[in-house]
């Protein structure tokens, strides 16, 4: 089995239809990613602790990664699962989504909980857990051998789709900082050399900010106006 995660991408999600152009985009992204992250995938992984502050009125810039930074999100199927999961979590926990981007191996979200009491940990669990469960179930049915890519070697959790740990969580209260976070999230694919403009990356809210529809609806009605 190749050591770049490509076997799992095919097993879990297949590719985009050739006519959409997105399959080419994501497949190139996965290959480019694998060239410089192979050592990370098979090397020692260090987990960072994440302290969360559930402060009323604060936006949260969130980042979480695939297990061992493998490019699982180069799969159309998995990205669609993640879209569904974000929408379900948004409905359940009442947060606004202001920006997002799905990179091949990690996710950036900018959200703002609308309730007086909330838990970012529960929100993230509601987003991540269904995707992981669906991925494992899909592989068990269709390609059990590919489960090796998710194997942890631990008894308490045999498979892991997402990287362990809290990821990144930054509280933001200033409008200018929120605006800068939106720009930072949108330009992730450009900085990585995966696309020329943020709007051309399909799983990114940059297009929505230009007035176009996208995989996830942005809650502009709650966005702060300076």
Protein backbone atom coordinates (compact mmCIF):
# COMPACT_ATOMS: atom_id res chain seq x y z
CA UNK A 1 0.00 0.00 0.00
CA UNK A 2 1.28 3.45 -0.91
CA UNK A 3 2.38 5.60 2.01
CA UNK A 4 0.56 8.76 0.98
CA UNK A 5 -2.97 7.97 2.04
CA UNK A 6 -4.23 7.74 -1.55
CA UNK A 7 -5.62 4.24 -1.06
CA UNK A 8 -7.89 5.47 1.72
CA UNK A 9 -9.05 8.44 -0.33
CA UNK A 10 -10.25 6.12 -3.06
CA UNK A 11 -11.77 3.68 -0.59
CA UNK A 12 -13.64 6.23 1.48
CA UNK A 13 -14.74 8.77 -1.05
CA UNK A 14 -13.71 8.13 -4.60
CA UNK A 15 -13.12 11.25 -6.67
CA UNK A 16 -15.14 14.15 -8.04
CA UNK A 17 -16.81 13.68 -11.42
CA UNK A 18 -14.37 14.65 -14.14
CA UNK A 19 -16.79 17.23 -15.52
CA UNK A 20 -16.84 19.21 -12.27
CA UNK A 21 -13.12 19.96 -12.20
CA UNK A 22 -13.10 19.53 -8.42
CA UNK A 23 -11.75 15.99 -8.61
CA UNK A 24 -8.64 17.22 -10.38
CA UNK A 25 -8.26 20.01 -7.83
CA UNK A 26 -8.48 17.73 -4.80
CA UNK A 27 -6.38 14.93 -6.29
CA UNK A 28 -3.58 17.37 -7.06
CA UNK A 29 -3.89 18.73 -3.54
CA UNK A 30 -3.57 15.28 -2.05
CA UNK A 31 -0.47 14.47 -4.10
CA UNK A 32 1.16 17.79 -3.28
CA UNK A 33 0.37 17.27 0.40
CA UNK A 34 1.82 13.76 0.49
CA UNK A 35 5.20 14.86 -0.87
CA UNK A 36 6.07 16.94 2.16
CA UNK A 37 4.02 15.32 4.92
CA UNK A 38 5.05 11.68 4.55
CA UNK A 39 7.53 11.96 7.42
CA UNK A 40 4.88 13.52 9.64
CA UNK A 41 2.41 10.74 8.91
CA UNK A 42 4.81 8.00 9.91
CA UNK A 43 6.80 9.89 12.53
CA UNK A 44 6.10 10.64 16.16
CA UNK A 45 3.03 12.72 16.82
CA UNK A 46 2.92 15.29 19.63
CA UNK A 47 -0.45 16.35 21.01
CA UNK A 48 -1.07 19.84 22.35
CA UNK A 49 -3.56 20.61 25.06
CA UNK A 50 -6.22 23.13 24.16
CA UNK A 51 -7.77 25.39 26.79
CA UNK A 52 -11.26 26.60 25.93
CA UNK A 53 -13.02 29.73 27.10
CA UNK A 54 -16.77 29.69 26.44
CA UNK A 55 -17.32 33.44 26.65
CA UNK A 56 -20.66 34.95 25.65
CA UNK A 57 -20.42 37.09 22.51
CA UNK A 58 -17.03 35.72 21.45
CA UNK A 59 -16.37 34.23 18.05
CA UNK A 60 -14.18 31.13 17.88
CA UNK A 61 -11.58 30.42 15.23
CA UNK A 62 -11.31 26.62 15.21
CA UNK A 63 -8.87 24.27 13.53
CA UNK A 64 -8.85 20.48 13.65
CA UNK A 65 -6.91 17.91 11.66
CA UNK A 66 -7.25 14.42 10.26
CA UNK A 67 -5.52 11.54 12.01
CA UNK A 68 -1.74 11.81 11.58
CA UNK A 69 -2.40 14.70 9.19
CA UNK A 70 -3.48 12.37 6.41
CA UNK A 71 -5.39 14.02 3.51
CA UNK A 72 -8.74 12.32 4.10
CA UNK A 73 -10.60 15.50 3.13
CA UNK A 74 -9.42 15.18 -0.44
CA UNK A 75 -12.50 12.98 -0.75
CA UNK A 76 -15.77 14.43 -2.05
CA UNK A 77 -17.76 11.93 -0.02
CA UNK A 78 -16.11 12.89 3.27
CA UNK A 79 -16.43 16.61 2.56
CA UNK A 80 -20.14 16.14 1.98
CA UNK A 81 -20.41 14.27 5.27
CA UNK A 82 -18.64 17.15 6.97
CA UNK A 83 -21.00 19.69 5.38
CA UNK A 84 -23.99 17.73 6.69
CA UNK A 85 -22.43 17.44 10.12
CA UNK A 86 -21.69 21.18 10.40
CA UNK A 87 -25.28 21.98 9.44
CA UNK A 88 -26.70 19.54 11.96
CA UNK A 89 -24.45 20.88 14.73
CA UNK A 90 -25.35 24.46 13.82
CA UNK A 91 -29.06 23.65 14.12
CA UNK A 92 -28.61 21.75 17.40
CA UNK A 93 -26.33 24.20 19.21
CA UNK A 94 -27.34 27.52 17.67
CA UNK A 95 -24.08 28.98 16.36
CA UNK A 96 -23.42 31.23 13.39
CA UNK A 97 -20.92 30.20 10.74
CA UNK A 98 -18.93 33.11 9.36
CA UNK A 99 -16.12 31.41 7.47
CA UNK A 100 -14.76 27.96 6.67
CA UNK A 101 -12.31 26.06 4.52
CA UNK A 102 -11.76 22.33 4.14
CA UNK A 103 -8.12 21.64 3.37
CA UNK A 104 -7.01 18.10 2.38
CA UNK A 105 -5.87 17.28 5.91
CA UNK A 106 -7.44 19.88 8.20
CA UNK A 107 -10.43 22.18 8.69
CA UNK A 108 -10.79 25.85 9.64
CA UNK A 109 -14.09 27.19 10.98
CA UNK A 110 -15.03 30.62 12.29
CA UNK A 111 -18.17 30.35 14.37
CA UNK A 112 -20.02 32.45 16.92
CA UNK A 113 -22.34 30.72 19.43
CA UNK A 114 -25.61 32.62 19.78
CA UNK A 115 -26.75 31.14 23.11
CA UNK A 116 -25.90 32.61 26.51
CA UNK A 117 -24.40 29.26 27.53
CA UNK A 118 -22.50 26.99 25.18
CA UNK A 119 -19.68 24.47 24.96
CA UNK A 120 -17.18 24.55 22.09
CA UNK A 121 -16.15 21.02 23.03
CA UNK A 122 -19.70 19.76 22.51
CA UNK A 123 -20.02 21.69 19.25
CA UNK A 124 -16.82 20.16 17.92
CA UNK A 125 -17.87 16.71 19.03
CA UNK A 126 -21.17 17.14 17.18
CA UNK A 127 -19.28 18.13 14.03
CA UNK A 128 -16.47 15.59 14.10
CA UNK A 129 -17.97 12.44 15.58
CA UNK A 130 -20.59 11.70 12.88
CA UNK A 131 -17.97 12.03 10.13
CA UNK A 132 -15.61 9.64 11.89
CA UNK A 133 -18.38 7.12 12.50
CA UNK A 134 -19.52 7.21 8.88
CA UNK A 135 -15.97 6.83 7.57
CA UNK A 136 -15.26 3.77 9.71
CA UNK A 137 -18.61 2.19 8.85
CA UNK A 138 -18.07 2.83 5.15
CA UNK A 139 -14.65 1.21 5.17
CA UNK A 140 -15.88 -1.79 7.13
CA UNK A 141 -18.47 -2.42 4.44
CA UNK A 142 -16.43 -1.59 1.35
CA UNK A 143 -12.71 -1.94 2.05
CA UNK A 144 -11.74 -3.29 5.49
CA UNK A 145 -8.05 -3.34 4.56
CA UNK A 146 -8.05 0.46 4.32
CA UNK A 147 -8.95 0.70 8.00
CA UNK A 148 -5.23 0.29 8.67
CA UNK A 149 -4.91 4.00 7.86
CA UNK A 150 -7.11 4.79 10.87
CA UNK A 151 -5.72 2.17 13.25
CA UNK A 152 -4.37 3.52 16.53
CA UNK A 153 -2.97 0.33 18.05
CA UNK A 154 -4.90 1.15 21.24
CA UNK A 155 -7.56 -0.99 22.86
CA UNK A 156 -9.79 1.86 24.08
CA UNK A 157 -10.09 3.40 20.59
CA UNK A 158 -9.18 1.08 17.74
CA UNK A 159 -9.72 3.60 14.94
CA UNK A 160 -9.36 7.34 14.77
CA UNK A 161 -10.39 9.60 11.89
CA UNK A 162 -9.51 12.92 13.55
CA UNK A 163 -6.26 13.79 15.26
CA UNK A 164 -6.38 13.44 19.04
CA UNK A 165 -6.36 16.59 21.14
CA UNK A 166 -8.31 19.79 21.18
CA UNK A 167 -6.95 21.30 18.01
CA UNK A 168 -6.83 25.11 17.88
CA UNK A 169 -9.43 27.40 19.44
CA UNK A 170 -9.01 31.18 19.53
CA UNK A 171 -11.55 33.46 21.14
CA UNK A 172 -12.18 36.66 19.18
CA UNK A 173 -14.22 39.66 20.31
CA UNK A 174 -12.99 42.53 18.11
CA UNK A 175 -14.60 43.07 14.70
CA UNK A 176 -11.27 43.88 13.03
CA UNK A 177 -9.76 40.63 14.31
CA UNK A 178 -12.79 38.68 13.10
CA UNK A 179 -12.41 40.21 9.63
CA UNK A 180 -8.73 39.30 9.57
CA UNK A 181 -9.59 35.73 10.61
CA UNK A 182 -12.03 35.45 7.69
CA UNK A 183 -9.31 36.54 5.27
CA UNK A 184 -6.78 34.16 6.81
CA UNK A 185 -9.15 31.22 6.52
CA UNK A 186 -10.05 32.02 2.92
CA UNK A 187 -6.43 32.29 1.80
CA UNK A 188 -5.31 28.92 3.15
CA UNK A 189 -5.55 27.13 -0.23
CA UNK A 190 -3.73 30.01 -1.95
CA UNK A 191 -0.87 30.01 0.54
CA UNK A 192 -0.46 26.28 0.00
CA UNK A 193 -0.36 26.74 -3.76
CA UNK A 194 -3.51 24.66 -4.30
CA UNK A 195 -5.46 27.35 -6.15
CA UNK A 196 -4.91 30.82 -7.57
CA UNK A 197 -7.81 32.49 -5.78
CA UNK A 198 -9.80 31.57 -2.65
CA UNK A 199 -13.06 31.67 -4.62
CA UNK A 200 -11.89 28.77 -6.80
CA UNK A 201 -11.52 26.41 -3.84
CA UNK A 202 -14.91 24.69 -3.68
CA UNK A 203 -15.06 23.90 0.05
CA UNK A 204 -14.35 27.47 1.12
CA UNK A 205 -16.65 30.32 2.11
CA UNK A 206 -14.75 32.86 -0.02
CA UNK A 207 -17.21 32.34 -2.86
CA UNK A 208 -20.15 32.95 -0.54
CA UNK A 209 -18.58 36.22 0.56
CA UNK A 210 -18.67 37.23 -3.11
CA UNK A 211 -22.41 36.63 -3.26
CA UNK A 212 -22.32 33.10 -4.66
CA UNK A 213 -23.81 29.93 -3.25
CA UNK A 214 -21.59 27.24 -1.78
CA UNK A 215 -21.66 23.98 0.17
CA UNK A 216 -22.33 25.78 3.47
CA UNK A 217 -24.48 28.86 4.01
CA UNK A 218 -22.81 31.78 5.78
CA UNK A 219 -24.78 33.55 8.51
CA UNK A 220 -24.24 37.11 7.33
CA UNK A 221 -27.21 38.37 9.36
CA UNK A 222 -25.25 37.92 12.60
CA UNK A 223 -21.87 39.13 11.35
CA UNK A 224 -20.68 42.20 13.30
CA UNK A 225 -20.64 45.55 11.53
CA UNK A 226 -17.92 47.96 12.61
